[in-house]
């Protein structure tokens, strides 16, 4: 190849590389713009969903408050509060009500 042909090929390569870089930048800018629009859409959707969740929570709290007001003078006021440390509230001084007296054998103490 002559020097002129080499310079011609070099300039064609540089132009091709410049076109490729320009197209690459164009695609990247388009992608960034799409992502920014998508971000705005997602933020909008997020705000909408948060408002729906808050609305549902308010809707669920209202019946609970109404029920608490309605049952405040009922039989539920006399219930023993739940204690997670002592799940079964058993009075050891009472006989169990679910056993028949026939099945309960007297305990005997054997020494010896």
PDB file of N, CA and C in Angstrom:
ATOM      1  N   UNK A   1       0.846  -1.193   0.000  1.00  0.00           N
ATOM      2  CA  UNK A   1       0.000   0.000   0.000  1.00  0.00           C
ATOM      3  C   UNK A   1       0.878   1.239   0.000  1.00  0.00           C
ATOM      4  N   UNK A   2       0.393   2.192  -0.665  1.00  0.00           N
ATOM      5  CA  UNK A   2       1.139   3.448  -0.694  1.00  0.00           C
ATOM      6  C   UNK A   2       0.740   4.300   0.501  1.00  0.00           C
ATOM      7  N   UNK A   3       1.480   5.344   0.711  1.00  0.00           N
ATOM      8  CA  UNK A   3       1.232   6.257   1.830  1.00  0.00           C
ATOM      9  C   UNK A   3      -0.138   6.919   1.687  1.00  0.00           C
ATOM     10  N   UNK A   4      -0.482   7.292   0.476  1.00  0.00           N
ATOM     11  CA  UNK A   4      -1.780   7.926   0.215  1.00  0.00           C
ATOM     12  C   UNK A   4      -2.933   6.963   0.570  1.00  0.00           C
ATOM     13  N   UNK A   5      -2.829   5.719   0.193  1.00  0.00           N
ATOM     14  CA  UNK A   5      -3.867   4.715   0.483  1.00  0.00           C
ATOM     15  C   UNK A   5      -3.990   4.486   1.992  1.00  0.00           C
ATOM     16  N   UNK A   6      -2.852   4.450   2.674  1.00  0.00           N
ATOM     17  CA  UNK A   6      -2.867   4.275   4.136  1.00  0.00           C
ATOM     18  C   UNK A   6      -3.564   5.452   4.819  1.00  0.00           C
ATOM     19  N   UNK A   7      -3.244   6.667   4.362  1.00  0.00           N
ATOM     20  CA  UNK A   7      -3.901   7.856   4.940  1.00  0.00           C
ATOM     21  C   UNK A   7      -5.399   7.829   4.652  1.00  0.00           C
ATOM     22  N   UNK A   8      -5.787   7.381   3.478  1.00  0.00           N
ATOM     23  CA  UNK A   8      -7.203   7.285   3.115  1.00  0.00           C
ATOM     24  C   UNK A   8      -7.920   6.274   4.009  1.00  0.00           C
ATOM     25  N   UNK A   9      -7.325   5.134   4.231  1.00  0.00           N
ATOM     26  CA  UNK A   9      -7.913   4.099   5.106  1.00  0.00           C
ATOM     27  C   UNK A   9      -7.989   4.619   6.533  1.00  0.00           C
ATOM     28  N   UNK A  10      -6.938   5.293   6.969  1.00  0.00           N
ATOM     29  CA  UNK A  10      -6.933   5.855   8.333  1.00  0.00           C
ATOM     30  C   UNK A  10      -8.052   6.866   8.517  1.00  0.00           C
ATOM     31  N   UNK A  11      -8.245   7.753   7.576  1.00  0.00           N
ATOM     32  CA  UNK A  11      -9.313   8.752   7.702  1.00  0.00           C
ATOM     33  C   UNK A  11     -10.696   8.095   7.674  1.00  0.00           C
ATOM     34  N   UNK A  12     -10.850   7.054   6.819  1.00  0.00           N
ATOM     35  CA  UNK A  12     -12.133   6.320   6.805  1.00  0.00           C
ATOM     36  C   UNK A  12     -12.388   5.659   8.161  1.00  0.00           C
ATOM     37  N   UNK A  13     -11.362   5.068   8.748  1.00  0.00           N
ATOM     38  CA  UNK A  13     -11.501   4.438  10.070  1.00  0.00           C
ATOM     39  C   UNK A  13     -11.869   5.473  11.131  1.00  0.00           C
ATOM     40  N   UNK A  14     -11.200   6.622  11.105  1.00  0.00           N
ATOM     41  CA  UNK A  14     -11.501   7.673  12.081  1.00  0.00           C
ATOM     42  C   UNK A  14     -12.940   8.165  11.932  1.00  0.00           C
ATOM     43  N   UNK A  15     -13.397   8.333  10.678  1.00  0.00           N
ATOM     44  CA  UNK A  15     -14.791   8.757  10.448  1.00  0.00           C
ATOM     45  C   UNK A  15     -15.765   7.690  10.942  1.00  0.00           C
ATOM     46  N   UNK A  16     -15.441   6.443  10.667  1.00  0.00           N
ATOM     47  CA  UNK A  16     -16.305   5.344  11.122  1.00  0.00           C
ATOM     48  C   UNK A  16     -16.354   5.284  12.649  1.00  0.00           C
ATOM     49  N   UNK A  17     -15.213   5.429  13.282  1.00  0.00           N
ATOM     50  CA  UNK A  17     -15.154   5.424  14.757  1.00  0.00           C
ATOM     51  C   UNK A  17     -15.947   6.612  15.310  1.00  0.00           C
ATOM     52  N   UNK A  18     -15.828   7.766  14.671  1.00  0.00           N
ATOM     53  CA  UNK A  18     -16.570   8.955  15.115  1.00  0.00           C
ATOM     54  C   UNK A  18     -18.074   8.712  14.996  1.00  0.00           C
ATOM     55  N   UNK A  19     -18.504   8.090  13.894  1.00  0.00           N
ATOM     56  CA  UNK A  19     -19.938   7.775  13.725  1.00  0.00           C
ATOM     57  C   UNK A  19     -20.409   6.786  14.794  1.00  0.00           C
ATOM     58  N   UNK A  20     -19.573   5.783  15.059  1.00  0.00           N
ATOM     59  CA  UNK A  20     -19.924   4.778  16.073  1.00  0.00           C
ATOM     60  C   UNK A  20     -20.040   5.432  17.446  1.00  0.00           C
ATOM     61  N   UNK A  21     -19.074   6.302  17.781  1.00  0.00           N
ATOM     62  CA  UNK A  21     -19.122   6.998  19.074  1.00  0.00           C
ATOM     63  C   UNK A  21     -20.342   7.903  19.158  1.00  0.00           C
ATOM     64  N   UNK A  22     -20.649   8.603  18.078  1.00  0.00           N
ATOM     65  CA  UNK A  22     -21.817   9.494  18.070  1.00  0.00           C
ATOM     66  C   UNK A  22     -23.105   8.683  18.283  1.00  0.00           C
ATOM     67  N   UNK A  23     -23.215   7.539  17.592  1.00  0.00           N
ATOM     68  CA  UNK A  23     -24.400   6.691  17.738  1.00  0.00           C
ATOM     69  C   UNK A  23     -24.480   6.111  19.148  1.00  0.00           C
ATOM     70  N   UNK A  24     -23.335   5.712  19.674  1.00  0.00           N
ATOM     71  CA  UNK A  24     -23.286   5.177  21.032  1.00  0.00           C
ATOM     72  C   UNK A  24     -23.749   6.235  22.039  1.00  0.00           C
ATOM     73  N   UNK A  25     -23.250   7.466  21.909  1.00  0.00           N
ATOM     74  CA  UNK A  25     -23.658   8.555  22.799  1.00  0.00           C
ATOM     75  C   UNK A  25     -25.144   8.844  22.660  1.00  0.00           C
ATOM     76  N   UNK A  26     -25.625   8.810  21.424  1.00  0.00           N
ATOM     77  CA  UNK A  26     -27.051   9.042  21.177  1.00  0.00           C
ATOM     78  C   UNK A  26     -27.900   8.000  21.895  1.00  0.00           C
ATOM     79  N   UNK A  27     -27.494   6.742  21.793  1.00  0.00           N
ATOM     80  CA  UNK A  27     -28.227   5.667  22.462  1.00  0.00           C
ATOM     81  C   UNK A  27     -28.158   5.796  23.986  1.00  0.00           C
ATOM     82  N   UNK A  28     -26.977   6.177  24.477  1.00  0.00           N
ATOM     83  CA  UNK A  28     -26.832   6.341  25.926  1.00  0.00           C
ATOM     84  C   UNK A  28     -27.704   7.492  26.445  1.00  0.00           C
ATOM     85  N   UNK A  29     -27.732   8.600  25.718  1.00  0.00           N
ATOM     86  CA  UNK A  29     -28.578   9.724  26.133  1.00  0.00           C
ATOM     87  C   UNK A  29     -30.059   9.345  26.091  1.00  0.00           C
ATOM     88  N   UNK A  30     -30.441   8.591  25.067  1.00  0.00           N
ATOM     89  CA  UNK A  30     -31.832   8.135  24.978  1.00  0.00           C
ATOM     90  C   UNK A  30     -32.169   7.218  26.145  1.00  0.00           C
ATOM     91  N   UNK A  31     -31.233   6.351  26.501  1.00  0.00           N
ATOM     92  CA  UNK A  31     -31.439   5.436  27.630  1.00  0.00           C
ATOM     93  C   UNK A  31     -31.550   6.211  28.943  1.00  0.00           C
ATOM     94  N   UNK A  32     -30.684   7.194  29.131  1.00  0.00           N
ATOM     95  CA  UNK A  32     -30.735   8.020  30.349  1.00  0.00           C
ATOM     96  C   UNK A  32     -32.068   8.760  30.421  1.00  0.00           C
ATOM     97  N   UNK A  33     -32.508   9.314  29.303  1.00  0.00           N
ATOM     98  CA  UNK A  33     -33.781  10.029  29.272  1.00  0.00           C
ATOM     99  C   UNK A  33     -34.940   9.091  29.598  1.00  0.00           C
ATOM    100  N   UNK A  34     -34.921   7.883  29.038  1.00  0.00           N
ATOM    101  CA  UNK A  34     -35.956   6.894  29.330  1.00  0.00           C
ATOM    102  C   UNK A  34     -35.957   6.545  30.815  1.00  0.00           C
ATOM    103  N   UNK A  35     -34.772   6.327  31.374  1.00  0.00           N
ATOM    104  CA  UNK A  35     -34.666   5.975  32.792  1.00  0.00           C
ATOM    105  C   UNK A  35     -35.172   7.112  33.688  1.00  0.00           C
ATOM    106  N   UNK A  36     -34.910   8.356  33.318  1.00  0.00           N
ATOM    107  CA  UNK A  36     -35.406   9.484  34.108  1.00  0.00           C
ATOM    108  C   UNK A  36     -36.928   9.545  34.063  1.00  0.00           C
ATOM    109  N   UNK A  37     -37.513   9.321  32.879  1.00  0.00           N
ATOM    110  CA  UNK A  37     -38.968   9.298  32.777  1.00  0.00           C
ATOM    111  C   UNK A  37     -39.546   8.144  33.586  1.00  0.00           C
ATOM    112  N   UNK A  38     -38.885   7.005  33.503  1.00  0.00           N
ATOM    113  CA  UNK A  38     -39.344   5.828  34.247  1.00  0.00           C
ATOM    114  C   UNK A  38     -39.263   6.076  35.757  1.00  0.00           C
ATOM    115  N   UNK A  39     -38.219   6.779  36.184  1.00  0.00           N
ATOM    116  CA  UNK A  39     -38.076   7.114  37.598  1.00  0.00           C
ATOM    117  C   UNK A  39     -39.246   7.968  38.075  1.00  0.00           C
ATOM    118  N   UNK A  40     -39.624   8.957  37.274  1.00  0.00           N
ATOM    119  CA  UNK A  40     -40.748   9.825  37.622  1.00  0.00           C
ATOM    120  C   UNK A  40     -42.039   9.003  37.690  1.00  0.00           C
ATOM    121  N   UNK A  41     -42.234   8.101  36.719  1.00  0.00           N
ATOM    122  CA  UNK A  41     -43.426   7.256  36.721  1.00  0.00           C
ATOM    123  C   UNK A  41     -43.466   6.369  37.967  1.00  0.00           C
ATOM    124  N   UNK A  42     -42.331   5.774  38.306  1.00  0.00           N
ATOM    125  CA  UNK A  42     -42.274   4.900  39.480  1.00  0.00           C
ATOM    126  C   UNK A  42     -42.513   5.675  40.771  1.00  0.00           C
ATOM    127  N   UNK A  43     -41.980   6.888  40.858  1.00  0.00           N
ATOM    128  CA  UNK A  43     -42.233   7.710  42.038  1.00  0.00           C
ATOM    129  C   UNK A  43     -43.717   8.041  42.146  1.00  0.00           C
ATOM    130  N   UNK A  44     -44.332   8.336  41.019  1.00  0.00           N
ATOM    131  CA  UNK A  44     -45.766   8.629  41.003  1.00  0.00           C
ATOM    132  C   UNK A  44     -46.565   7.401  41.430  1.00  0.00           C
ATOM    133  N   UNK A  45     -46.210   6.247  40.876  1.00  0.00           N
ATOM    134  CA  UNK A  45     -46.884   5.010  41.262  1.00  0.00           C
ATOM    135  C   UNK A  45     -46.690   4.711  42.744  1.00  0.00           C
ATOM    136  N   UNK A  46     -45.477   4.961  43.230  1.00  0.00           N
ATOM    137  CA  UNK A  46     -45.172   4.725  44.635  1.00  0.00           C
ATOM    138  C   UNK A  46     -46.031   5.613  45.537  1.00  0.00           C
ATOM    139  N   UNK A  47     -46.152   6.882  45.177  1.00  0.00           N
ATOM    140  CA  UNK A  47     -46.971   7.798  45.976  1.00  0.00           C
ATOM    141  C   UNK A  47     -48.438   7.347  45.954  1.00  0.00           C
ATOM    142  N   UNK A  48     -48.922   6.917  44.790  1.00  0.00           N
ATOM    143  CA  UNK A  48     -50.299   6.444  44.677  1.00  0.00           C
ATOM    144  C   UNK A  48     -50.518   5.219  45.563  1.00  0.00           C
ATOM    145  N   UNK A  49     -49.585   4.266  45.507  1.00  0.00           N
ATOM    146  CA  UNK A  49     -49.719   3.052  46.318  1.00  0.00           C
ATOM    147  C   UNK A  49     -49.624   3.362  47.807  1.00  0.00           C
ATOM    148  N   UNK A  50     -48.757   4.289  48.181  1.00  0.00           N
ATOM    149  CA  UNK A  50     -48.669   4.681  49.596  1.00  0.00           C
ATOM    150  C   UNK A  50     -49.982   5.285  50.085  1.00  0.00           C
ATOM    151  N   UNK A  51     -50.599   6.102  49.227  1.00  0.00           N
ATOM    152  CA  UNK A  51     -51.876   6.703  49.624  1.00  0.00           C
ATOM    153  C   UNK A  51     -52.948   5.637  49.748  1.00  0.00           C
ATOM    154  N   UNK A  52     -52.929   4.639  48.854  1.00  0.00           N
ATOM    155  CA  UNK A  52     -53.899   3.540  48.942  1.00  0.00           C
ATOM    156  C   UNK A  52     -53.691   2.733  50.221  1.00  0.00           C
ATOM    157  N   UNK A  53     -52.430   2.457  50.554  1.00  0.00           N
ATOM    158  CA  UNK A  53     -52.133   1.702  51.779  1.00  0.00           C
ATOM    159  C   UNK A  53     -52.605   2.493  53.001  1.00  0.00           C
ATOM    160  N   UNK A  54     -52.318   3.786  53.032  1.00  0.00           N
ATOM    161  CA  UNK A  54     -52.750   4.621  54.154  1.00  0.00           C
ATOM    162  C   UNK A  54     -54.269   4.653  54.236  1.00  0.00           C
ATOM    163  N   UNK A  55     -54.923   4.735  53.102  1.00  0.00           N
ATOM    164  CA  UNK A  55     -56.389   4.747  53.062  1.00  0.00           C
ATOM    165  C   UNK A  55     -56.945   3.433  53.598  1.00  0.00           C
ATOM    166  N   UNK A  56     -56.336   2.313  53.193  1.00  0.00           N
ATOM    167  CA  UNK A  56     -56.784   1.007  53.690  1.00  0.00           C
ATOM    168  C   UNK A  56     -56.538   0.872  55.189  1.00  0.00           C
ATOM    169  N   UNK A  57     -55.399   1.374  55.659  1.00  0.00           N
ATOM    170  CA  UNK A  57     -55.117   1.304  57.092  1.00  0.00           C
ATOM    171  C   UNK A  57     -56.117   2.130  57.882  1.00  0.00           C
ATOM    172  N   UNK A  58     -56.451   3.310  57.373  1.00  0.00           N
ATOM    173  CA  UNK A  58     -57.461   4.127  58.047  1.00  0.00           C
ATOM    174  C   UNK A  58     -58.807   3.411  58.036  1.00  0.00           C
ATOM    175  N   UNK A  59     -59.113   2.759  56.917  1.00  0.00           N
ATOM    176  CA  UNK A  59     -60.364   2.027  56.813  1.00  0.00           C
ATOM    177  C   UNK A  59     -60.417   0.852  57.762  1.00  0.00           C
ATOM    178  N   UNK A  60     -59.291   0.199  57.996  1.00  0.00           N
ATOM    179  CA  UNK A  60     -59.255  -0.932  58.918  1.00  0.00           C
ATOM    180  C   UNK A  60     -59.246  -0.467  60.363  1.00  0.00           C
ATOM    181  N   UNK A  61     -58.648   0.670  60.642  1.00  0.00           N
ATOM    182  CA  UNK A  61     -58.593   1.165  62.014  1.00  0.00           C
ATOM    183  C   UNK A  61     -59.953   1.667  62.475  1.00  0.00           C
ATOM    184  N   UNK A  62     -60.723   2.222  61.577  1.00  0.00           N
ATOM    185  CA  UNK A  62     -62.022   2.779  61.949  1.00  0.00           C
ATOM    186  C   UNK A  62     -62.962   1.707  62.508  1.00  0.00           C
ATOM    187  N   UNK A  63     -63.136   0.530  61.834  1.00  0.00           N
ATOM    188  CA  UNK A  63     -63.993  -0.500  62.431  1.00  0.00           C
ATOM    189  C   UNK A  63     -63.449  -1.002  63.760  1.00  0.00           C
ATOM    190  N   UNK A  64     -62.127  -1.088  63.895  1.00  0.00           N
ATOM    191  CA  UNK A  64     -61.540  -1.541  65.156  1.00  0.00           C
ATOM    192  C   UNK A  64     -61.869  -0.540  66.262  1.00  0.00           C
ATOM    193  N   UNK A  65     -61.748   0.747  65.970  1.00  0.00           N
ATOM    194  CA  UNK A  65     -62.077   1.767  66.963  1.00  0.00           C
ATOM    195  C   UNK A  65     -63.562   1.720  67.300  1.00  0.00           C
ATOM    196  N   UNK A  66     -64.405   1.570  66.288  1.00  0.00           N
ATOM    197  CA  UNK A  66     -65.837   1.474  66.533  1.00  0.00           C
ATOM    198  C   UNK A  66     -66.154   0.243  67.357  1.00  0.00           C
ATOM    199  N   UNK A  67     -65.486  -0.883  67.069  1.00  0.00           N
ATOM    200  CA  UNK A  67     -65.736  -2.107  67.802  1.00  0.00           C
ATOM    201  C   UNK A  67     -65.256  -1.963  69.242  1.00  0.00           C
ATOM    202  N   UNK A  68     -64.122  -1.283  69.432  1.00  0.00           N
ATOM    203  CA  UNK A  68     -63.612  -1.092  70.784  1.00  0.00           C
ATOM    204  C   UNK A  68     -64.570  -0.223  71.594  1.00  0.00           C
ATOM    205  N   UNK A  69     -65.133   0.805  70.970  1.00  0.00           N
ATOM    206  CA  UNK A  69     -66.084   1.652  71.662  1.00  0.00           C
ATOM    207  C   UNK A  69     -67.354   0.885  71.977  1.00  0.00           C
ATOM    208  N   UNK A  70     -67.789   0.043  71.052  1.00  0.00           N
ATOM    209  CA  UNK A  70     -69.035  -0.705  71.239  1.00  0.00           C
ATOM    210  C   UNK A  70     -68.869  -1.779  72.304  1.00  0.00           C
ATOM    211  N   UNK A  71     -67.707  -2.386  72.427  1.00  0.00           N
ATOM    212  CA  UNK A  71     -67.525  -3.480  73.373  1.00  0.00           C
ATOM    213  C   UNK A  71     -66.929  -3.012  74.695  1.00  0.00           C
ATOM    214  N   UNK A  72     -66.766  -1.744  74.890  1.00  0.00           N
ATOM    215  CA  UNK A  72     -66.109  -1.282  76.103  1.00  0.00           C
ATOM    216  C   UNK A  72     -66.935  -1.559  77.350  1.00  0.00           C
ATOM    217  N   UNK A  73     -68.225  -1.693  77.225  1.00  0.00           N
ATOM    218  CA  UNK A  73     -69.059  -1.981  78.388  1.00  0.00           C
ATOM    219  C   UNK A  73     -69.607  -3.399  78.335  1.00  0.00           C
ATOM    220  N   UNK A  74     -68.999  -4.254  77.547  1.00  0.00           N
ATOM    221  CA  UNK A  74     -69.512  -5.611  77.401  1.00  0.00           C
ATOM    222  C   UNK A  74     -68.705  -6.580  78.239  1.00  0.00           C
ATOM    223  N   UNK A  75     -68.902  -7.850  77.957  1.00  0.00           N
ATOM    224  CA  UNK A  75     -68.231  -8.915  78.695  1.00  0.00           C
ATOM    225  C   UNK A  75     -66.724  -8.927  78.463  1.00  0.00           C
ATOM    226  N   UNK A  76     -66.246  -8.273  77.404  1.00  0.00           N
ATOM    227  CA  UNK A  76     -64.821  -8.277  77.108  1.00  0.00           C
ATOM    228  C   UNK A  76     -64.022  -7.461  78.112  1.00  0.00           C
ATOM    229  N   UNK A  77     -64.668  -6.590  78.851  1.00  0.00           N
ATOM    230  CA  UNK A  77     -63.955  -5.808  79.853  1.00  0.00           C
ATOM    231  C   UNK A  77     -63.460  -6.678  81.000  1.00  0.00           C
ATOM    232  N   UNK A  78     -64.066  -7.841  81.180  1.00  0.00           N
ATOM    233  CA  UNK A  78     -63.733  -8.689  82.318  1.00  0.00           C
ATOM    234  C   UNK A  78     -62.715  -9.767  81.974  1.00  0.00           C
ATOM    235  N   UNK A  79     -62.254  -9.816  80.755  1.00  0.00           N
ATOM    236  CA  UNK A  79     -61.275 -10.819  80.357  1.00  0.00           C
ATOM    237  C   UNK A  79     -59.902 -10.463  80.919  1.00  0.00           C
ATOM    238  N   UNK A  80     -59.155 -11.513  81.243  1.00  0.00           N
ATOM    239  CA  UNK A  80     -57.796 -11.331  81.734  1.00  0.00           C
ATOM    240  C   UNK A  80     -56.911 -10.957  80.548  1.00  0.00           C
ATOM    241  N   UNK A  81     -56.093  -9.922  80.675  1.00  0.00           N
ATOM    242  CA  UNK A  81     -55.227  -9.548  79.557  1.00  0.00           C
ATOM    243  C   UNK A  81     -54.232 -10.662  79.229  1.00  0.00           C
ATOM    244  N   UNK A  82     -53.889 -10.773  77.975  1.00  0.00           N
ATOM    245  CA  UNK A  82     -52.948 -11.790  77.515  1.00  0.00           C
ATOM    246  C   UNK A  82     -51.550 -11.457  77.985  1.00  0.00           C
ATOM    247  N   UNK A  83     -50.914 -12.447  78.556  1.00  0.00           N
ATOM    248  CA  UNK A  83     -49.533 -12.310  79.008  1.00  0.00           C
ATOM    249  C   UNK A  83     -48.700 -13.346  78.278  1.00  0.00           C
ATOM    250  N   UNK A  84     -47.798 -12.916  77.427  1.00  0.00           N
ATOM    251  CA  UNK A  84     -47.032 -13.854  76.596  1.00  0.00           C
ATOM    252  C   UNK A  84     -46.101 -14.733  77.434  1.00  0.00           C
ATOM    253  N   UNK A  85     -45.766 -14.299  78.615  1.00  0.00           N
ATOM    254  CA  UNK A  85     -44.884 -15.114  79.455  1.00  0.00           C
ATOM    255  C   UNK A  85     -45.636 -16.266  80.098  1.00  0.00           C
ATOM    256  N   UNK A  86     -46.930 -16.134  80.246  1.00  0.00           N
ATOM    257  CA  UNK A  86     -47.731 -17.156  80.891  1.00  0.00           C
ATOM    258  C   UNK A  86     -48.960 -17.389  80.024  1.00  0.00           C
ATOM    259  N   UNK A  87     -48.784 -18.136  78.955  1.00  0.00           N
ATOM    260  CA  UNK A  87     -49.842 -18.286  77.953  1.00  0.00           C
ATOM    261  C   UNK A  87     -51.093 -18.912  78.547  1.00  0.00           C
ATOM    262  N   UNK A  88     -50.941 -20.008  79.282  1.00  0.00           N
ATOM    263  CA  UNK A  88     -52.108 -20.657  79.880  1.00  0.00           C
ATOM    264  C   UNK A  88     -52.287 -20.131  81.298  1.00  0.00           C
ATOM    265  N   UNK A  89     -53.359 -19.434  81.517  1.00  0.00           N
ATOM    266  CA  UNK A  89     -53.647 -18.901  82.837  1.00  0.00           C
ATOM    267  C   UNK A  89     -54.366 -20.000  83.631  1.00  0.00           C
ATOM    268  N   UNK A  90     -53.635 -20.723  84.435  1.00  0.00           N
ATOM    269  CA  UNK A  90     -54.200 -21.858  85.162  1.00  0.00           C
ATOM    270  C   UNK A  90     -54.198 -21.522  86.646  1.00  0.00           C
ATOM    271  N   UNK A  91     -55.330 -21.776  87.269  1.00  0.00           N
ATOM    272  CA  UNK A  91     -55.418 -21.626  88.711  1.00  0.00           C
ATOM    273  C   UNK A  91     -55.162 -23.001  89.305  1.00  0.00           C
ATOM    274  N   UNK A  92     -54.067 -23.187  90.001  1.00  0.00           N
ATOM    275  CA  UNK A  92     -53.703 -24.513  90.492  1.00  0.00           C
ATOM    276  C   UNK A  92     -54.570 -24.945  91.672  1.00  0.00           C
ATOM    277  N   UNK A  93     -55.324 -24.066  92.225  1.00  0.00           N
ATOM    278  CA  UNK A  93     -56.181 -24.418  93.348  1.00  0.00           C
ATOM    279  C   UNK A  93     -57.489 -25.052  92.880  1.00  0.00           C
ATOM    280  N   UNK A  94     -57.838 -24.938  91.627  1.00  0.00           N
ATOM    281  CA  UNK A  94     -59.085 -25.513  91.126  1.00  0.00           C
ATOM    282  C   UNK A  94     -58.833 -26.884  90.528  1.00  0.00           C
ATOM    283  N   UNK A  95     -59.830 -27.760  90.661  1.00  0.00           N
ATOM    284  CA  UNK A  95     -59.794 -29.058  90.010  1.00  0.00           C
ATOM    285  C   UNK A  95     -60.045 -28.854  88.523  1.00  0.00           C
ATOM    286  N   UNK A  96     -59.401 -29.610  87.663  1.00  0.00           N
ATOM    287  CA  UNK A  96     -59.697 -29.491  86.244  1.00  0.00           C
ATOM    288  C   UNK A  96     -61.130 -29.898  85.952  1.00  0.00           C
ATOM    289  N   UNK A  97     -61.828 -29.141  85.145  1.00  0.00           N
ATOM    290  CA  UNK A  97     -63.240 -29.377  84.883  1.00  0.00           C
ATOM    291  C   UNK A  97     -63.476 -30.408  83.789  1.00  0.00           C
ATOM    292  N   UNK A  98     -62.477 -30.710  82.990  1.00  0.00           N
ATOM    293  CA  UNK A  98     -62.693 -31.593  81.860  1.00  0.00           C
ATOM    294  C   UNK A  98     -62.451 -33.064  82.173  1.00  0.00           C
ATOM    295  N   UNK A  99     -61.961 -33.419  83.371  1.00  0.00           N
ATOM    296  CA  UNK A  99     -61.785 -34.815  83.747  1.00  0.00           C
ATOM    297  C   UNK A  99     -62.989 -35.269  84.567  1.00  0.00           C
ATOM    298  N   UNK A 100     -63.396 -36.491  84.321  1.00  0.00           N
ATOM    299  CA  UNK A 100     -64.466 -37.012  85.172  1.00  0.00           C
ATOM    300  C   UNK A 100     -63.832 -37.498  86.478  1.00  0.00           C
ATOM    301  N   UNK A 101     -64.629 -37.529  87.509  1.00  0.00           N
ATOM    302  CA  UNK A 101     -64.097 -37.920  88.820  1.00  0.00           C
ATOM    303  C   UNK A 101     -63.765 -39.406  88.846  1.00  0.00           C
ATOM    304  N   UNK A 102     -64.338 -40.209  87.962  1.00  0.00           N
ATOM    305  CA  UNK A 102     -64.065 -41.645  87.941  1.00  0.00           C
ATOM    306  C   UNK A 102     -62.647 -41.926  87.442  1.00  0.00           C
ATOM    307  N   UNK A 103     -62.133 -41.124  86.550  1.00  0.00           N
ATOM    308  CA  UNK A 103     -60.813 -41.365  85.996  1.00  0.00           C
ATOM    309  C   UNK A 103     -59.695 -40.875  86.905  1.00  0.00           C
ATOM    310  N   UNK A 104     -60.052 -40.067  87.864  1.00  0.00           N
ATOM    311  CA  UNK A 104     -59.016 -39.531  88.739  1.00  0.00           C
ATOM    312  C   UNK A 104     -58.787 -40.496  89.899  1.00  0.00           C
ATOM    313  N   UNK A 105     -57.624 -41.104  89.898  1.00  0.00           N
ATOM    314  CA  UNK A 105     -57.291 -42.005  90.978  1.00  0.00           C
ATOM    315  C   UNK A 105     -56.598 -41.224  92.070  1.00  0.00           C
ATOM    316  N   UNK A 106     -56.877 -41.570  93.300  1.00  0.00           N
ATOM    317  CA  UNK A 106     -56.190 -40.856  94.381  1.00  0.00           C
ATOM    318  C   UNK A 106     -54.705 -41.184  94.351  1.00  0.00           C
ATOM    319  N   UNK A 107     -53.937 -40.216  94.646  1.00  0.00           N
ATOM    320  CA  UNK A 107     -52.491 -40.415  94.676  1.00  0.00           C
ATOM    321  C   UNK A 107     -52.093 -40.973  96.015  1.00  0.00           C
ATOM    322  N   UNK A 108     -51.231 -41.948  95.966  1.00  0.00           N
ATOM    323  CA  UNK A 108     -50.750 -42.543  97.214  1.00  0.00           C
ATOM    324  C   UNK A 108     -49.244 -42.345  97.284  1.00  0.00           C
ATOM    325  N   UNK A 109     -48.805 -42.178  98.460  1.00  0.00           N
ATOM    326  CA  UNK A 109     -47.387 -41.967  98.691  1.00  0.00           C
ATOM    327  C   UNK A 109     -46.806 -43.254  99.220  1.00  0.00           C
ATOM    328  N   UNK A 110     -45.836 -43.784  98.532  1.00  0.00           N
ATOM    329  CA  UNK A 110     -45.204 -45.019  98.965  1.00  0.00           C
ATOM    330  C   UNK A 110     -43.798 -44.704  99.434  1.00  0.00           C
ATOM    331  N   UNK A 111     -43.547 -45.046 100.668  1.00  0.00           N
ATOM    332  CA  UNK A 111     -42.219 -44.859 101.240  1.00  0.00           C
ATOM    333  C   UNK A 111     -41.574 -46.210 101.404  1.00  0.00           C
ATOM    334  N   UNK A 112     -40.335 -46.278 101.255  1.00  0.00           N
ATOM    335  CA  UNK A 112     -39.762 -47.541 101.570  1.00  0.00           C
ATOM    336  C   UNK A 112     -38.637 -47.928 100.819  1.00  0.00           C
TER     337      UNK A 112
END
